[in-house]
Amino acid sequence: MSQLRLRPRRLVLVGSVLVDLLLYVERLPERGGDLLAERALQAVGGGFNVLMGALRLGLPAAYAGRIGDGPMGDRVRAELAAAGIPVLLPPVVGRDTGFDIGLVEPDGERTFVTAPGVEAELSLPELEGLALQEGDAVYVSGYDLCYPLSGAALEAWLPGLAPSCLLVLDPGPLVATIPTQRLEQVLRRVDVLSLNARELLLLSGEEEPARGAARLCSQLAPQEVVVARVGAEGCWLVSAGGVPLRVAPRPARVVVDTTGAGDAHVAAFLAALAGGRNLEEAAYEANVAASLAVERAGPATTPTRAELEMALAEGRKGGGEWE
């Protein structure tokens, strides 16, 4: 992989930004039952988490997805504008952006149900009309590969993505429902595959994360980098021709909400690469950023550059790791 592609200049998120309706509950309700939430939070989420994470850590970002003109779309548009994140596609008139409902349990685990809107209907002409730049990191979620319209358009467009762009895929919790041929087609072009332990098991069939990450890396493109996030244990990193490397974690002081942890990890990894870190250094910074993210409620909880640097400094005082 060329040095240019390892140092992205901008994050372009192709896919879904929608509204999260988060309910914090003591447990999941029984089937047919009901439950009173302890508190609720409404926030823009989905791909917004990654965009904001990159921005907070110094990597410019742009949204290349659809936004409706209903109440949800207005909320998304306002949040993107307030953050200074440019939108590369025109608004969709007469229809709304989607939303999801998330149940967050006391240990921070979350369970979602998503109601897609216009963000799930990207077309090939819209994608082909994007003005991408040399050095862009193009981020795609597995959610978007699942959608019938967006998924088909991405399947046709991504394999022809310019070699000067870094393609980043997070397969997400719906990985098992992505059409097999579509996923295989996209993976042949992917440069960075970032996924959690459950997704790693579903894709590789391996219970052991190190073996699973190595197996995935061997099956994918020669330039592929696999980042397997294993929660409190940090992550496993495998690059072409290499052996699996476990990158140390930073234990979270308290786990409040894991909703945006994976998004924070991806954003911090790319921002660190943009800043000139090597793969191992970038993965370590991503671990620290994700651990800070779970200490806060809400989806877009990636720390700022100053907050991340402070946590990294604390780790160095302790010998470079928190173990």
Protein backbone atom coordinates (compact mmCIF):
# COMPACT_ATOMS: atom_id res chain seq x y z
CA MET A 1 0.00 0.00 0.00
CA SER A 2 1.43 3.38 -0.95
CA GLN A 3 2.36 5.99 1.64
CA LEU A 4 -0.26 8.32 0.13
CA ARG A 5 -3.06 5.86 0.78
CA LEU A 6 -1.82 5.28 4.32
CA ARG A 7 -2.11 9.03 5.03
CA PRO A 8 -5.65 10.09 4.15
CA ARG A 9 -6.24 13.79 3.64
CA ARG A 10 -10.01 13.77 4.08
CA LEU A 11 -12.72 11.38 5.26
CA VAL A 12 -15.68 11.06 2.88
CA LEU A 13 -18.54 9.07 4.37
CA VAL A 14 -20.70 7.44 1.71
CA GLY A 15 -23.86 6.18 3.31
CA SER A 16 -26.15 6.89 6.22
CA VAL A 17 -26.52 9.69 8.71
CA LEU A 18 -29.77 9.39 10.64
CA VAL A 19 -31.31 10.18 14.02
CA ASP A 20 -30.73 7.98 17.10
CA LEU A 21 -33.49 7.72 19.71
CA LEU A 22 -31.70 6.13 22.68
CA LEU A 23 -33.57 4.69 25.67
CA TYR A 24 -31.51 3.77 28.73
CA VAL A 25 -33.15 0.78 30.42
CA GLU A 26 -32.38 -1.53 33.33
CA ARG A 27 -32.94 -4.57 31.07
CA LEU A 28 -34.50 -5.49 27.74
CA PRO A 29 -38.29 -5.90 27.99
CA GLU A 30 -39.86 -9.33 27.64
CA ARG A 31 -41.67 -10.12 24.42
CA GLY A 32 -45.11 -8.47 24.52
CA GLY A 33 -44.18 -6.54 27.66
CA ASP A 34 -43.32 -2.93 28.43
CA LEU A 35 -40.64 -1.10 30.34
CA LEU A 36 -40.08 2.42 31.63
CA ALA A 37 -36.83 3.96 30.44
CA GLU A 38 -34.63 5.55 33.08
CA ARG A 39 -33.79 8.35 30.63
CA ALA A 40 -33.84 9.10 26.93
CA LEU A 41 -31.53 10.82 24.46
CA GLN A 42 -32.16 12.00 20.91
CA ALA A 43 -29.10 12.70 18.78
CA VAL A 44 -27.87 12.54 15.22
CA GLY A 45 -25.98 9.28 14.76
CA GLY A 46 -25.05 6.58 12.27
CA GLY A 47 -22.28 7.86 10.05
CA PHE A 48 -22.34 11.20 11.87
CA ASN A 49 -20.39 9.54 14.69
CA VAL A 50 -17.48 8.79 12.35
CA LEU A 51 -17.59 12.22 10.70
CA MET A 52 -17.54 14.04 14.04
CA GLY A 53 -14.83 11.74 15.37
CA ALA A 54 -12.55 12.50 12.43
CA LEU A 55 -13.23 16.23 12.72
CA ARG A 56 -12.49 16.33 16.46
CA LEU A 57 -9.17 14.61 15.83
CA GLY A 58 -8.07 16.92 13.04
CA LEU A 59 -9.06 14.98 9.91
CA PRO A 60 -11.31 16.98 7.52
CA ALA A 61 -14.60 15.24 6.73
CA ALA A 62 -17.46 15.43 4.23
CA TYR A 63 -20.81 13.64 3.97
CA ALA A 64 -21.63 11.99 0.63
CA GLY A 65 -25.09 10.70 1.51
CA ARG A 66 -28.74 11.64 1.08
CA ILE A 67 -30.73 13.87 3.46
CA GLY A 68 -34.51 14.32 3.40
CA ASP A 69 -36.45 17.53 4.11
CA GLY A 70 -38.69 16.24 6.93
CA PRO A 71 -38.12 16.66 10.70
CA MET A 72 -35.38 14.02 10.87
CA GLY A 73 -33.63 15.38 7.80
CA ASP A 74 -33.80 18.93 9.16
CA ARG A 75 -32.15 17.73 12.38
CA VAL A 76 -29.38 15.97 10.45
CA ARG A 77 -28.77 18.97 8.18
CA ALA A 78 -28.60 21.34 11.14
CA GLU A 79 -26.09 19.18 13.02
CA LEU A 80 -23.85 18.79 9.97
CA ALA A 81 -23.97 22.53 9.33
CA ALA A 82 -23.20 23.34 12.96
CA ALA A 83 -20.14 21.07 12.81
CA GLY A 84 -19.00 22.60 9.52
CA ILE A 85 -19.22 19.28 7.68
CA PRO A 86 -19.98 19.82 3.97
CA VAL A 87 -22.74 17.79 2.30
CA LEU A 88 -21.80 16.62 -1.20
CA LEU A 89 -25.29 15.69 -2.46
CA PRO A 90 -28.39 17.93 -2.83
CA PRO A 91 -31.33 17.45 -0.42
CA VAL A 92 -34.13 15.03 -1.28
CA VAL A 93 -37.45 16.92 -1.50
CA GLY A 94 -40.69 15.50 -0.15
CA ARG A 95 -39.23 12.63 1.90
CA ASP A 96 -37.50 12.25 5.23
CA THR A 97 -34.30 10.84 6.68
CA GLY A 98 -34.57 7.64 8.73
CA PHE A 99 -34.12 6.98 12.43
CA ASP A 100 -33.39 4.17 14.83
CA ILE A 101 -34.44 3.24 18.35
CA GLY A 102 -31.66 1.99 20.62
CA LEU A 103 -32.07 0.28 23.99
CA VAL A 104 -28.98 0.78 26.16
CA GLU A 105 -28.53 -1.56 29.14
CA PRO A 106 -26.62 -0.76 32.37
CA ASP A 107 -23.41 -2.38 31.11
CA GLY A 108 -23.45 -0.11 28.06
CA GLU A 109 -24.58 -2.76 25.57
CA ARG A 110 -27.05 -1.48 22.99
CA THR A 111 -29.73 -3.08 20.85
CA PHE A 112 -31.10 -1.27 17.79
CA VAL A 113 -34.04 -1.30 15.42
CA THR A 114 -33.62 0.94 12.36
CA ALA A 115 -36.29 2.53 10.16
CA PRO A 116 -34.40 3.62 7.01
CA GLY A 117 -35.27 6.73 5.04
CA VAL A 118 -33.83 8.46 1.99
CA GLU A 119 -30.27 7.76 3.17
CA ALA A 120 -30.83 4.11 2.20
CA GLU A 121 -31.54 4.94 -1.46
CA LEU A 122 -28.25 6.12 -2.94
CA SER A 123 -28.14 5.76 -6.72
CA LEU A 124 -25.23 4.96 -9.02
CA PRO A 125 -25.48 8.35 -10.81
CA GLU A 126 -25.23 10.12 -7.45
CA LEU A 127 -22.10 8.15 -6.56
CA GLU A 128 -20.53 8.64 -9.98
CA GLY A 129 -21.09 12.38 -9.69
CA LEU A 130 -19.11 12.73 -6.43
CA ALA A 131 -16.05 14.97 -6.73
CA LEU A 132 -13.58 12.84 -4.83
CA GLN A 133 -10.03 14.05 -4.26
CA GLU A 134 -6.68 12.31 -4.27
CA GLY A 135 -6.02 11.00 -0.78
CA ASP A 136 -9.68 10.72 0.27
CA ALA A 137 -10.55 7.93 2.70
CA VAL A 138 -13.97 6.68 1.54
CA TYR A 139 -15.86 5.12 4.44
CA VAL A 140 -18.71 2.64 3.89
CA SER A 141 -20.83 0.83 6.47
CA GLY A 142 -22.31 -2.63 6.13
CA TYR A 143 -25.71 -1.07 6.77
CA ASP A 144 -25.49 0.62 3.39
CA LEU A 145 -24.46 -2.62 1.67
CA CYS A 146 -27.60 -4.27 3.12
CA TYR A 147 -30.04 -1.76 1.66
CA PRO A 148 -31.41 -2.95 -1.71
CA LEU A 149 -30.89 0.37 -3.56
CA SER A 150 -27.77 1.77 -1.88
CA GLY A 151 -26.21 -1.68 -1.71
CA ALA A 152 -26.61 -2.34 -5.44
CA ALA A 153 -25.24 1.11 -6.30
CA LEU A 154 -22.23 0.69 -4.02
CA GLU A 155 -21.56 -2.80 -5.38
CA ALA A 156 -21.31 -1.31 -8.88
CA TRP A 157 -19.34 1.80 -7.89
CA LEU A 158 -16.81 0.78 -5.24
CA PRO A 159 -14.72 -1.68 -7.32
CA GLY A 160 -13.87 1.18 -9.70
CA LEU A 161 -12.86 3.60 -6.94
CA ALA A 162 -9.64 5.42 -7.88
CA PRO A 163 -6.45 3.78 -6.54
CA SER A 164 -5.53 7.10 -4.90
CA CYS A 165 -8.50 6.71 -2.51
CA LEU A 166 -8.41 4.59 0.63
CA LEU A 167 -11.52 2.42 0.95
CA VAL A 168 -12.57 1.74 4.56
CA LEU A 169 -15.33 -0.74 5.43
CA ASP A 170 -16.98 -1.38 8.79
CA PRO A 171 -19.37 -4.30 8.11
CA GLY A 172 -21.49 -3.57 11.21
CA PRO A 173 -24.02 -5.75 13.05
CA LEU A 174 -25.97 -6.61 9.87
CA VAL A 175 -22.92 -8.23 8.24
CA ALA A 176 -24.65 -11.62 7.99
CA THR A 177 -27.46 -10.12 5.91
CA ILE A 178 -25.26 -8.49 3.27
CA PRO A 179 -25.66 -10.46 0.02
CA THR A 180 -22.63 -12.74 -0.25
CA GLN A 181 -21.68 -11.79 -3.80
CA ARG A 182 -21.97 -8.09 -2.98
CA LEU A 183 -19.77 -8.39 0.09
CA GLU A 184 -17.14 -10.41 -1.76
CA GLN A 185 -17.11 -7.89 -4.60
CA VAL A 186 -16.57 -4.96 -2.25
CA LEU A 187 -13.98 -6.73 -0.08
CA ARG A 188 -11.77 -7.22 -3.13
CA ARG A 189 -11.31 -3.43 -3.23
CA VAL A 190 -11.24 -2.66 0.52
CA ASP A 191 -8.01 -1.28 2.02
CA VAL A 192 -8.98 -1.14 5.71
CA LEU A 193 -11.49 -3.57 7.22
CA SER A 194 -12.48 -2.56 10.77
CA LEU A 195 -14.87 -4.83 12.65
CA ASN A 196 -15.78 -6.05 16.14
CA ALA A 197 -15.44 -9.54 17.58
CA ARG A 198 -18.97 -10.65 16.66
CA GLU A 199 -18.59 -9.48 13.07
CA LEU A 200 -15.16 -11.12 12.89
CA LEU A 201 -16.65 -14.46 13.98
CA LEU A 202 -19.46 -14.21 11.44
CA LEU A 203 -17.10 -13.40 8.57
CA SER A 204 -14.21 -15.75 9.41
CA GLY A 205 -15.92 -18.60 11.27
CA GLU A 206 -13.06 -18.53 13.80
CA GLU A 207 -13.70 -18.31 17.55
CA GLU A 208 -10.17 -17.06 18.23
CA PRO A 209 -9.86 -13.37 17.16
CA ALA A 210 -6.19 -13.62 16.14
CA ARG A 211 -6.87 -16.57 13.83
CA GLY A 212 -10.02 -14.93 12.51
CA ALA A 213 -8.22 -11.69 11.64
CA ALA A 214 -5.37 -13.58 9.97
CA ARG A 215 -7.79 -15.72 7.99
CA LEU A 216 -9.71 -12.68 6.76
CA CYS A 217 -6.51 -10.90 5.79
CA SER A 218 -5.30 -13.90 3.80
CA GLN A 219 -8.58 -14.08 1.89
CA LEU A 220 -8.73 -10.42 0.95
CA ALA A 221 -6.79 -8.06 -1.30
CA PRO A 222 -2.97 -7.99 -0.95
CA GLN A 223 -2.99 -4.46 0.46
CA GLU A 224 -5.68 -5.20 3.04
CA VAL A 225 -5.37 -4.14 6.69
CA VAL A 226 -7.69 -5.84 9.18
CA VAL A 227 -8.42 -4.14 12.51
CA ALA A 228 -10.39 -6.49 14.78
CA ARG A 229 -11.81 -4.64 17.77
CA VAL A 230 -12.16 -6.84 20.86
CA GLY A 231 -13.56 -4.35 23.37
CA ALA A 232 -11.73 -4.12 26.68
CA GLU A 233 -8.95 -6.35 25.28
CA GLY A 234 -7.92 -3.76 22.69
CA CYS A 235 -7.69 -4.89 19.08
CA TRP A 236 -5.91 -7.29 16.74
CA LEU A 237 -4.07 -5.84 13.77
CA VAL A 238 -3.07 -7.79 10.67
CA SER A 239 -1.59 -6.37 7.48
CA ALA A 240 -0.54 -8.09 4.27
CA GLY A 241 2.11 -10.73 4.87
CA GLY A 242 2.16 -10.09 8.60
CA VAL A 243 1.25 -12.05 11.70
CA PRO A 244 -1.59 -10.98 14.02
CA LEU A 245 -0.52 -8.35 16.54
CA ARG A 246 -2.57 -7.60 19.63
CA VAL A 247 -2.54 -3.89 20.36
CA ALA A 248 -2.93 -3.01 24.05
CA PRO A 249 -6.13 -1.42 25.41
CA ARG A 250 -6.80 1.44 27.79
CA PRO A 251 -9.36 0.17 30.32
CA ALA A 252 -12.36 2.47 30.55
CA ARG A 253 -12.91 3.93 34.01
CA VAL A 254 -16.65 3.29 33.65
CA VAL A 255 -18.73 1.93 30.78
CA VAL A 256 -21.75 4.17 30.21
CA ASP A 257 -22.70 3.59 26.57
CA THR A 258 -20.97 1.55 23.85
CA THR A 259 -23.12 3.05 21.05
CA GLY A 260 -20.32 5.02 19.36
CA ALA A 261 -17.27 3.01 20.42
CA GLY A 262 -16.61 1.34 17.07
CA ASP A 263 -17.14 4.62 15.23
CA ALA A 264 -14.68 6.38 17.54
CA HIS A 265 -12.15 3.59 16.92
CA VAL A 266 -12.35 3.89 13.13
CA ALA A 267 -12.22 7.70 13.19
CA ALA A 268 -9.21 7.75 15.51
CA PHE A 269 -7.39 5.09 13.48
CA LEU A 270 -7.76 7.11 10.26
CA ALA A 271 -6.90 10.40 11.96
CA ALA A 272 -3.75 8.85 13.38
CA LEU A 273 -2.73 7.54 9.96
CA ALA A 274 -3.36 11.02 8.56
CA GLY A 275 -1.03 12.37 11.24
CA GLY A 276 1.79 10.08 10.14
CA ARG A 277 1.48 7.25 12.70
CA ASN A 278 2.28 3.72 11.59
CA LEU A 279 -0.39 1.02 11.74
CA GLU A 280 0.40 -0.15 15.28
CA GLU A 281 0.55 3.40 16.65
CA ALA A 282 -2.72 4.25 14.92
CA ALA A 283 -4.43 1.16 16.34
CA TYR A 284 -3.23 2.02 19.85
CA GLU A 285 -4.59 5.58 19.58
CA ALA A 286 -7.86 4.13 18.31
CA ASN A 287 -8.08 1.84 21.36
CA VAL A 288 -7.59 4.80 23.68
CA ALA A 289 -10.16 6.92 21.83
CA ALA A 290 -12.76 4.13 21.96
CA SER A 291 -12.22 3.63 25.69
CA LEU A 292 -12.84 7.33 26.28
CA ALA A 293 -15.96 7.19 24.10
CA VAL A 294 -17.67 4.47 26.16
CA GLU A 295 -17.31 6.60 29.29
CA ARG A 296 -19.92 9.01 27.86
CA ALA A 297 -23.59 8.72 26.91
CA GLY A 298 -24.67 9.15 23.31
CA PRO A 299 -23.51 8.14 19.84
CA ALA A 300 -20.98 10.79 18.73
CA THR A 301 -18.61 10.54 21.71
CA THR A 302 -15.15 10.48 20.12
CA PRO A 303 -12.77 12.57 22.27
CA THR A 304 -11.14 15.76 21.06
CA ARG A 305 -7.47 15.79 20.09
CA ALA A 306 -6.61 17.43 23.43
CA GLU A 307 -8.54 14.78 25.40
CA LEU A 308 -6.90 11.96 23.47
CA GLU A 309 -3.42 13.42 23.92
CA MET A 310 -4.00 13.72 27.65
CA ALA A 311 -5.03 10.07 27.90
CA LEU A 312 -2.05 8.99 25.80
CA ALA A 313 0.25 10.97 28.10
CA GLU A 314 -1.23 9.21 31.12
CA GLY A 315 -0.51 5.88 29.44
CA ARG A 316 3.10 6.84 28.72
CA LYS A 317 3.61 7.75 32.38
CA GLY A 318 2.49 4.25 33.23
CA GLY A 319 5.02 2.65 30.90
CA GLY A 320 3.20 2.95 27.59
CA GLU A 321 0.37 0.53 28.33
CA TRP A 322 -2.43 0.29 30.85
CA GLU A 323 -1.96 -3.44 31.41
